[in-house]
Amino acid sequence: MSKSRFENLEIYQLAERLADYIWDCVLTWDKFSKETVGEQIVNSSDSIGANIAEGSGKGSEMDFKRYCKIARGSLFETKHWLRRAYKRNLLKKEEIDNIKITLEELLPKLSAYINYLDDRINNKNYDD
């Protein structure tokens, strides 16, 4: 099976890496922590890539941009849950450090991609 357009995007690949790492961390938590903070952080981190994938299939760059902005919102929500998990001693410093590497790469690239889509949308309006 060939890759879809979104699967080739670096922002999607980074979102997958982040979500998979968070999943692996949460699996080690106790039941209460998994069912409270764990479910929230897994859902928000999975939502980043899911929104990129969904937006890519909507058919227009305007829709894709909208879903990438939703993905960015999910990224900020994930950062919130990461802070809560760290404050509650659910994540170790080295786990947070590993997550930060991906976050610090993903956020500016996702924002740049949103700007790229915005430029393409605006340029199309002038070319018609």
Protein backbone atom coordinates (compact mmCIF):
# COMPACT_ATOMS: atom_id res chain seq x y z
CA MET A 1 0.00 0.00 0.00
CA SER A 2 1.43 3.37 -0.97
CA LYS A 3 1.60 6.22 1.48
CA SER A 4 -1.05 8.91 1.44
CA ARG A 5 -0.10 12.55 1.07
CA PHE A 6 -0.26 13.19 4.81
CA GLU A 7 1.96 10.23 5.68
CA ASN A 8 4.84 11.81 3.78
CA LEU A 9 4.56 15.06 5.72
CA GLU A 10 7.26 15.56 8.33
CA ILE A 11 4.72 17.18 10.66
CA TYR A 12 2.63 14.01 10.55
CA GLN A 13 5.65 11.80 11.19
CA LEU A 14 6.67 13.95 14.16
CA ALA A 15 3.10 13.81 15.51
CA GLU A 16 3.18 10.01 15.28
CA ARG A 17 6.53 9.87 17.05
CA LEU A 18 5.23 12.09 19.85
CA ALA A 19 2.00 10.13 20.29
CA ASP A 20 3.77 6.76 20.27
CA TYR A 21 6.32 7.88 22.86
CA ILE A 22 3.60 9.27 25.12
CA TRP A 23 1.64 6.01 24.73
CA ASP A 24 4.69 4.02 25.83
CA CYS A 25 5.14 6.24 28.88
CA VAL A 26 1.48 6.07 29.93
CA LEU A 27 1.46 2.26 29.69
CA THR A 28 3.75 2.15 32.74
CA TRP A 29 1.42 4.22 34.95
CA ASP A 30 -0.93 2.88 37.64
CA LYS A 31 -4.63 2.39 36.84
CA PHE A 32 -5.88 5.65 38.34
CA SER A 33 -3.24 7.73 36.53
CA LYS A 34 -3.95 5.97 33.22
CA GLU A 35 -7.70 6.55 33.53
CA THR A 36 -7.39 10.24 34.37
CA VAL A 37 -4.37 12.10 33.01
CA GLY A 38 -3.27 9.18 30.83
CA GLU A 39 -6.42 9.04 28.73
CA GLN A 40 -6.37 12.81 28.27
CA ILE A 41 -2.76 13.00 27.17
CA VAL A 42 -3.03 9.99 24.85
CA ASN A 43 -6.18 11.41 23.24
CA SER A 44 -4.75 14.89 22.76
CA SER A 45 -1.45 13.62 21.34
CA ASP A 46 -3.21 11.16 19.00
CA SER A 47 -5.45 14.00 17.86
CA ILE A 48 -2.50 15.94 16.43
CA GLY A 49 -1.77 13.40 13.71
CA ALA A 50 -5.43 12.47 13.30
CA ASN A 51 -6.35 16.06 12.43
CA ILE A 52 -3.48 16.35 9.94
CA ALA A 53 -4.66 13.12 8.30
CA GLU A 54 -8.32 14.12 8.25
CA GLY A 55 -7.61 17.60 6.93
CA SER A 56 -5.49 16.26 4.09
CA GLY A 57 -8.46 14.32 2.80
CA LYS A 58 -10.99 17.15 2.90
CA GLY A 59 -10.21 18.28 -0.62
CA SER A 60 -9.30 21.93 -0.20
CA GLU A 61 -6.29 23.73 1.18
CA MET A 62 -8.61 25.95 3.21
CA ASP A 63 -10.03 22.89 4.98
CA PHE A 64 -6.56 21.40 5.37
CA LYS A 65 -5.31 24.62 6.99
CA ARG A 66 -8.27 24.59 9.38
CA TYR A 67 -7.51 21.01 10.46
CA CYS A 68 -3.81 21.81 10.86
CA LYS A 69 -4.83 24.63 13.22
CA ILE A 70 -6.94 22.15 15.16
CA ALA A 71 -3.88 19.86 15.28
CA ARG A 72 -1.86 22.75 16.69
CA GLY A 73 -4.56 23.25 19.35
CA SER A 74 -4.25 19.56 20.24
CA LEU A 75 -0.49 20.03 20.50
CA PHE A 76 -1.00 22.82 23.04
CA GLU A 77 -3.47 20.64 24.93
CA THR A 78 -0.85 17.88 24.96
CA LYS A 79 1.66 20.33 26.42
CA HIS A 80 -0.85 21.12 29.19
CA TRP A 81 -1.28 17.43 30.05
CA LEU A 82 2.48 16.91 29.95
CA ARG A 83 2.88 19.68 32.53
CA ARG A 84 0.21 18.07 34.72
CA ALA A 85 1.81 14.62 34.38
CA TYR A 86 5.24 15.99 35.28
CA LYS A 87 3.92 17.97 38.27
CA ARG A 88 2.20 14.81 39.51
CA ASN A 89 5.40 12.79 39.18
CA LEU A 90 4.00 10.58 36.44
CA LEU A 91 6.74 11.45 33.96
CA LYS A 92 10.43 11.38 34.73
CA LYS A 93 12.72 14.23 33.74
CA GLU A 94 14.40 12.13 31.03
CA GLU A 95 10.98 11.28 29.54
CA ILE A 96 10.06 14.97 29.47
CA ASP A 97 13.44 15.79 27.93
CA ASN A 98 12.81 13.23 25.15
CA ILE A 99 9.32 14.59 24.54
CA LYS A 100 10.62 18.18 24.43
CA ILE A 101 12.92 17.31 21.54
CA THR A 102 9.96 16.33 19.38
CA LEU A 103 7.72 19.15 20.65
CA GLU A 104 10.38 21.77 19.91
CA GLU A 105 10.65 20.45 16.37
CA LEU A 106 6.96 19.86 15.72
CA LEU A 107 5.45 23.14 16.91
CA PRO A 108 7.43 25.51 14.66
CA LYS A 109 7.14 23.15 11.68
CA LEU A 110 3.39 22.82 12.12
CA SER A 111 3.05 26.61 12.39
CA ALA A 112 5.25 27.07 9.31
CA TYR A 113 3.11 24.57 7.39
CA ILE A 114 -0.04 26.47 8.36
CA ASN A 115 1.61 29.67 7.08
CA TYR A 116 2.61 27.87 3.87
CA LEU A 117 -0.99 26.76 3.31
CA ASP A 118 -2.19 30.28 4.04
CA ASP A 119 0.22 31.70 1.45
CA ARG A 120 -0.94 29.15 -1.14
CA ILE A 121 -4.58 30.00 -0.45
CA ASN A 122 -3.93 33.75 -0.69
CA ASN A 123 -1.87 33.39 -3.88
CA LYS A 124 -4.58 31.31 -5.53
CA ASN A 125 -7.06 34.11 -4.96
CA TYR A 126 -4.80 36.53 -6.82
CA ASP A 127 -4.02 34.14 -9.68
CA ASP A 128 -7.67 33.53 -10.65
